[in-house]
Amino acid sequence: MQLEKWAERRILILGMTYPSYSRKYVENVCTGGLDSETLQMVRLHPIPHRYMEDGSRFHSFQWISARVMPHQSDPRPESLRVEPDSIRVGEQIPAAQMQERVRLLRKSPSRVRSVEELHALEKSEKRSLGIVQPKEITGIRLRTKTEAERRDWLRIERLVLRQQAMFGTPKPLDFPEADFVVSWVCDDPTCKGHESGLKKWDLHELYRKLKGDPKRDEKTLEMMHKQLNLKEREVFFFLGSFRGRMYQFGLMDTFSAPIERQRSLFDLG
């Protein structure tokens, strides 16, 4: 997708990371989607999701239209600057149409065989986004964040909220108390395995809502194991590189759908 100035684009939202504080935008949510014309992955920011009007808020696998242009301060080619006020929410591909979601992901030119292939594309064409279907999930665990990480979060929070208070009512973010770590092997003989914290917003939201529940960790891990069960589900990882470390890819979000099994002729009737 070649853009040089503001243009209206239609984009299918794939997922969002847990919000983070931004000194420039107050708050930002890393948001990935598929461009309707090419089905290539794009990255949208700034998306101050919690500060947006209800009619502009969107969900995964929902079409939106918005004015976008290449993000001039972001060297990653898939990054688009969006006018938040221009976002118009369209139809959502419902959960009842899981195979339509799967079809679009399979068809996307951003789908690659492995993280290794994604690294090669980063070197050759600065590719910074990709869709990978893992061959094997080798581990799922939870890591409780340290007090030092909490202090760093609160330090940035004080700076950002003090700045925001001059323009409106600030909205504090709950500190994300855990990392949800996934280990996997790609369907590629050169793959030696990968491990990354999953930044998926609704996973962090589940953990936040379970605060005080003695089985909080157990319930969260149980949900992760269910969603990433390769024997029962077709799993897609959405990976993205970091602006300051374009050679490093993180696991931004995931999607999984029940495996569609062909029915026997004896099952019909």
Protein backbone atom coordinates (compact mmCIF):
# COMPACT_ATOMS: atom_id res chain seq x y z
CA MET A 1 0.00 0.00 0.00
CA GLN A 2 1.68 3.22 -1.18
CA LEU A 3 0.48 6.39 0.53
CA GLU A 4 2.10 9.82 0.53
CA LYS A 5 -0.64 11.88 2.13
CA TRP A 6 -3.86 11.46 4.07
CA ALA A 7 -6.20 8.95 2.47
CA GLU A 8 -9.32 7.08 3.50
CA ARG A 9 -8.66 3.37 4.01
CA ARG A 10 -10.77 0.42 5.11
CA ILE A 11 -9.05 -1.87 7.60
CA LEU A 12 -10.01 -5.08 9.36
CA ILE A 13 -8.85 -4.89 12.99
CA LEU A 14 -7.00 -8.03 14.08
CA GLY A 15 -6.07 -7.20 17.65
CA MET A 16 -4.80 -4.74 20.22
CA THR A 17 -2.15 -4.80 22.91
CA TYR A 18 -2.71 -3.66 26.49
CA PRO A 19 -2.55 0.16 26.61
CA SER A 20 0.69 1.88 27.55
CA TYR A 21 1.43 5.43 28.61
CA SER A 22 2.77 7.78 25.95
CA ARG A 23 4.32 11.17 26.67
CA LYS A 24 3.36 12.32 23.18
CA TYR A 25 -0.15 10.83 22.92
CA VAL A 26 -0.95 10.30 26.65
CA GLU A 27 -1.96 6.73 25.89
CA ASN A 28 -1.44 4.38 22.99
CA VAL A 29 -2.65 0.93 22.00
CA CYS A 30 -0.62 -0.99 19.44
CA THR A 31 -3.30 -1.96 16.92
CA GLY A 32 -2.87 -4.30 13.98
CA GLY A 33 -5.15 -4.89 11.03
CA LEU A 34 -5.48 -5.97 7.41
CA ASP A 35 -5.78 -3.43 4.62
CA SER A 36 -8.95 -4.23 2.66
CA GLU A 37 -7.32 -3.85 -0.78
CA THR A 38 -4.17 -5.92 -0.26
CA LEU A 39 -4.88 -7.88 2.96
CA GLN A 40 -1.41 -6.86 4.12
CA MET A 41 -0.93 -6.18 7.81
CA VAL A 42 -0.73 -2.57 8.94
CA ARG A 43 -0.01 -0.94 12.28
CA LEU A 44 -2.22 1.95 13.40
CA HIS A 45 -1.22 4.63 15.90
CA PRO A 46 -1.95 6.70 17.82
CA ILE A 47 -5.03 4.87 19.07
CA PRO A 48 -6.06 6.36 22.45
CA HIS A 49 -8.76 3.70 22.73
CA ARG A 50 -10.11 4.55 26.19
CA TYR A 51 -10.34 8.26 25.29
CA MET A 52 -12.28 7.69 22.08
CA GLU A 53 -16.01 8.24 21.72
CA ASP A 54 -18.10 5.10 22.15
CA GLY A 55 -19.12 5.19 18.49
CA SER A 56 -15.46 5.08 17.39
CA ARG A 57 -14.32 2.20 19.60
CA PHE A 58 -13.79 -1.05 17.76
CA HIS A 59 -13.15 -4.72 18.45
CA SER A 60 -11.14 -7.52 16.88
CA PHE A 61 -12.31 -8.59 13.41
CA GLN A 62 -14.31 -5.43 12.95
CA TRP A 63 -13.98 -3.30 9.83
CA ILE A 64 -13.20 0.37 10.27
CA SER A 65 -12.63 3.23 7.86
CA ALA A 66 -10.23 6.02 8.78
CA ARG A 67 -7.95 8.68 7.35
CA VAL A 68 -4.37 7.44 7.46
CA MET A 69 -0.92 8.25 6.10
CA PRO A 70 2.60 6.85 6.53
CA HIS A 71 3.86 7.56 10.02
CA GLN A 72 6.72 9.99 9.44
CA SER A 73 8.42 9.38 12.79
CA ASP A 74 8.22 5.58 12.52
CA PRO A 75 10.68 3.85 10.14
CA ARG A 76 8.62 0.65 9.99
CA PRO A 77 6.91 0.63 6.55
CA GLU A 78 3.61 -0.86 7.76
CA SER A 79 3.08 1.87 10.37
CA LEU A 80 0.25 4.28 9.60
CA ARG A 81 -0.62 7.44 11.43
CA VAL A 82 -4.36 7.65 11.93
CA GLU A 83 -6.68 10.56 12.67
CA PRO A 84 -8.60 9.14 15.66
CA ASP A 85 -11.57 11.47 15.03
CA SER A 86 -11.92 10.08 11.49
CA ILE A 87 -12.48 6.48 12.59
CA ARG A 88 -15.83 5.06 11.53
CA VAL A 89 -16.77 1.63 12.81
CA GLY A 90 -18.26 -0.87 10.37
CA GLU A 91 -19.50 -4.44 10.51
CA GLN A 92 -17.79 -7.13 12.54
CA ILE A 93 -17.14 -10.64 11.23
CA PRO A 94 -19.11 -12.54 13.90
CA ALA A 95 -17.80 -15.46 15.93
CA ALA A 96 -20.31 -17.64 14.08
CA GLN A 97 -18.23 -17.02 10.92
CA MET A 98 -14.88 -18.21 12.29
CA GLN A 99 -13.89 -19.77 8.97
CA GLU A 100 -14.25 -16.42 7.22
CA ARG A 101 -11.78 -14.96 9.71
CA VAL A 102 -9.45 -17.91 9.08
CA ARG A 103 -9.79 -17.51 5.30
CA LEU A 104 -8.69 -13.89 5.39
CA LEU A 105 -5.69 -14.65 7.60
CA ARG A 106 -4.59 -17.52 5.36
CA LYS A 107 -4.93 -15.28 2.31
CA SER A 108 -2.88 -12.40 3.75
CA PRO A 109 0.54 -11.88 2.12
CA SER A 110 1.78 -11.05 5.62
CA ARG A 111 1.45 -14.71 6.61
CA VAL A 112 4.90 -16.27 6.72
CA ARG A 113 6.22 -19.71 7.54
CA SER A 114 8.26 -18.75 10.59
CA VAL A 115 9.84 -16.06 12.70
CA GLU A 116 13.07 -16.92 10.87
CA GLU A 117 11.44 -15.95 7.56
CA LEU A 118 10.15 -12.77 9.18
CA HIS A 119 13.69 -11.87 10.29
CA ALA A 120 14.95 -12.40 6.73
CA LEU A 121 12.20 -10.12 5.38
CA GLU A 122 13.10 -7.49 7.98
CA LYS A 123 16.65 -7.46 6.66
CA SER A 124 15.66 -7.38 2.99
CA GLU A 125 12.65 -5.04 3.04
CA LYS A 126 12.28 -3.79 6.63
CA ARG A 127 9.21 -5.98 7.18
CA SER A 128 7.98 -5.37 10.74
CA LEU A 129 4.71 -7.33 10.94
CA GLY A 130 3.84 -10.93 10.25
CA ILE A 131 1.38 -13.75 10.84
CA VAL A 132 2.84 -17.10 11.89
CA GLN A 133 1.09 -20.39 12.57
CA PRO A 134 3.13 -22.29 15.17
CA LYS A 135 3.91 -25.96 14.63
CA GLU A 136 4.13 -26.69 18.35
CA ILE A 137 3.42 -24.80 21.57
CA THR A 138 6.19 -25.87 23.94
CA GLY A 139 5.30 -23.83 26.99
CA ILE A 140 2.84 -21.43 28.58
CA ARG A 141 3.69 -19.72 31.85
CA LEU A 142 3.00 -16.63 33.90
CA ARG A 143 5.72 -14.30 35.20
CA THR A 144 4.82 -11.89 37.98
CA LYS A 145 6.36 -8.50 37.35
CA THR A 146 8.89 -7.09 39.77
CA GLU A 147 8.61 -4.12 42.11
CA ALA A 148 11.22 -2.33 39.99
CA GLU A 149 8.94 -2.69 36.96
CA ARG A 150 6.03 -1.32 39.00
CA ARG A 151 8.09 1.70 40.10
CA ASP A 152 9.09 2.45 36.50
CA TRP A 153 5.43 2.25 35.40
CA LEU A 154 4.30 4.59 38.20
CA ARG A 155 7.08 7.05 37.45
CA ILE A 156 5.95 7.39 33.83
CA GLU A 157 2.32 7.47 34.98
CA ARG A 158 2.95 10.50 37.19
CA LEU A 159 4.59 12.39 34.34
CA VAL A 160 1.88 11.57 31.79
CA LEU A 161 -1.10 12.19 34.07
CA ARG A 162 0.33 15.47 35.29
CA GLN A 163 0.59 16.55 31.64
CA GLN A 164 -2.92 15.26 30.80
CA ALA A 165 -4.51 17.01 33.80
CA MET A 166 -3.88 20.36 32.09
CA PHE A 167 -6.21 19.39 29.20
CA GLY A 168 -8.84 17.15 30.74
CA THR A 169 -9.57 14.40 33.22
CA PRO A 170 -6.77 11.83 33.19
CA LYS A 171 -7.57 8.11 33.21
CA PRO A 172 -5.01 6.07 35.16
CA LEU A 173 -4.08 2.65 33.76
CA ASP A 174 -3.86 -0.39 35.99
CA PHE A 175 -0.31 -1.67 36.19
CA PRO A 176 -0.08 -4.95 34.20
CA GLU A 177 0.99 -7.23 37.01
CA ALA A 178 2.11 -10.20 34.93
CA ASP A 179 3.70 -11.26 31.68
CA PHE A 180 2.04 -14.16 29.86
CA VAL A 181 4.93 -16.05 28.31
CA VAL A 182 4.46 -18.38 25.33
CA SER A 183 7.15 -20.69 23.91
CA TRP A 184 6.75 -22.26 20.47
CA VAL A 185 8.41 -23.86 17.47
CA CYS A 186 7.64 -22.71 13.91
CA ASP A 187 6.91 -25.01 10.99
CA ASP A 188 10.42 -24.49 9.63
CA PRO A 189 13.43 -26.85 9.92
CA THR A 190 15.68 -23.85 10.72
CA CYS A 191 13.57 -22.88 13.75
CA LYS A 192 15.24 -23.49 17.11
CA GLY A 193 12.29 -22.22 19.12
CA HIS A 194 11.04 -18.86 20.37
CA GLU A 195 9.67 -17.32 23.56
CA SER A 196 7.77 -14.07 24.00
CA GLY A 197 5.42 -12.33 26.38
CA LEU A 198 1.91 -12.10 24.93
CA LYS A 199 0.67 -8.49 24.97
CA LYS A 200 -2.96 -9.33 24.10
CA TRP A 201 -5.30 -6.77 25.67
CA ASP A 202 -8.21 -9.06 26.60
CA LEU A 203 -5.80 -11.48 28.30
CA HIS A 204 -4.46 -8.70 30.51
CA GLU A 205 -8.04 -7.55 31.08
CA LEU A 206 -9.06 -11.04 32.23
CA TYR A 207 -6.16 -11.13 34.68
CA ARG A 208 -7.04 -7.66 35.97
CA LYS A 209 -10.69 -8.61 36.55
CA LEU A 210 -9.67 -11.76 38.45
CA LYS A 211 -7.71 -9.76 41.03
CA GLY A 212 -8.56 -11.13 44.47
CA ASP A 213 -9.50 -14.54 43.13
CA PRO A 214 -7.24 -17.20 44.74
CA LYS A 215 -7.32 -19.14 41.45
CA ARG A 216 -6.45 -16.11 39.34
CA ASP A 217 -3.25 -17.56 37.85
CA GLU A 218 -4.80 -21.00 37.35
CA LYS A 219 -7.85 -19.62 35.50
CA THR A 220 -5.76 -17.39 33.26
CA LEU A 221 -3.38 -20.18 32.29
CA GLU A 222 -6.31 -22.54 31.73
CA MET A 223 -7.82 -20.08 29.25
CA MET A 224 -4.48 -19.70 27.46
CA HIS A 225 -4.02 -23.46 27.17
CA LYS A 226 -7.53 -23.78 25.75
CA GLN A 227 -7.06 -21.02 23.16
CA LEU A 228 -3.63 -22.29 22.09
CA ASN A 229 -4.47 -26.00 21.94
CA LEU A 230 -3.14 -26.99 18.52
CA LYS A 231 -4.91 -30.35 18.62
CA GLU A 232 -8.29 -28.62 18.70
CA ARG A 233 -7.68 -25.16 17.22
CA GLU A 234 -5.98 -23.45 14.30
CA VAL A 235 -3.74 -20.83 15.88
CA PHE A 236 -2.36 -17.61 14.38
CA PHE A 237 0.30 -15.45 16.03
CA PHE A 238 0.45 -11.73 15.20
CA LEU A 239 4.05 -10.60 15.54
CA GLY A 240 5.50 -7.11 15.37
CA SER A 241 8.90 -5.52 15.77
CA PHE A 242 9.66 -2.69 18.17
CA ARG A 243 10.40 0.79 16.88
CA GLY A 244 13.71 1.05 18.72
CA ARG A 245 14.66 -2.59 18.07
CA MET A 246 13.41 -3.45 14.60
CA TYR A 247 15.34 -6.73 14.62
CA GLN A 248 13.33 -8.00 17.61
CA PHE A 249 9.77 -9.31 17.20
CA GLY A 250 7.22 -9.59 19.99
CA LEU A 251 4.00 -11.57 20.24
CA MET A 252 1.41 -8.81 20.07
CA ASP A 253 -1.80 -10.84 19.84
CA THR A 254 -3.18 -14.22 18.83
CA PHE A 255 -6.27 -15.65 17.20
CA SER A 256 -7.50 -19.22 17.21
CA ALA A 257 -10.50 -21.00 15.73
CA PRO A 258 -11.80 -24.55 16.16
CA ILE A 259 -10.33 -26.84 13.54
CA GLU A 260 -12.93 -27.46 10.85
CA ARG A 261 -13.11 -31.22 10.46
CA GLN A 262 -14.62 -32.78 7.37
CA ARG A 263 -17.76 -34.69 8.13
CA SER A 264 -18.11 -38.30 7.05
CA LEU A 265 -20.90 -39.19 4.64
CA PHE A 266 -22.28 -41.36 7.45
CA ASP A 267 -22.68 -38.20 9.59
CA LEU A 268 -24.98 -36.58 7.07
CA GLY A 269 -28.71 -36.97 7.04
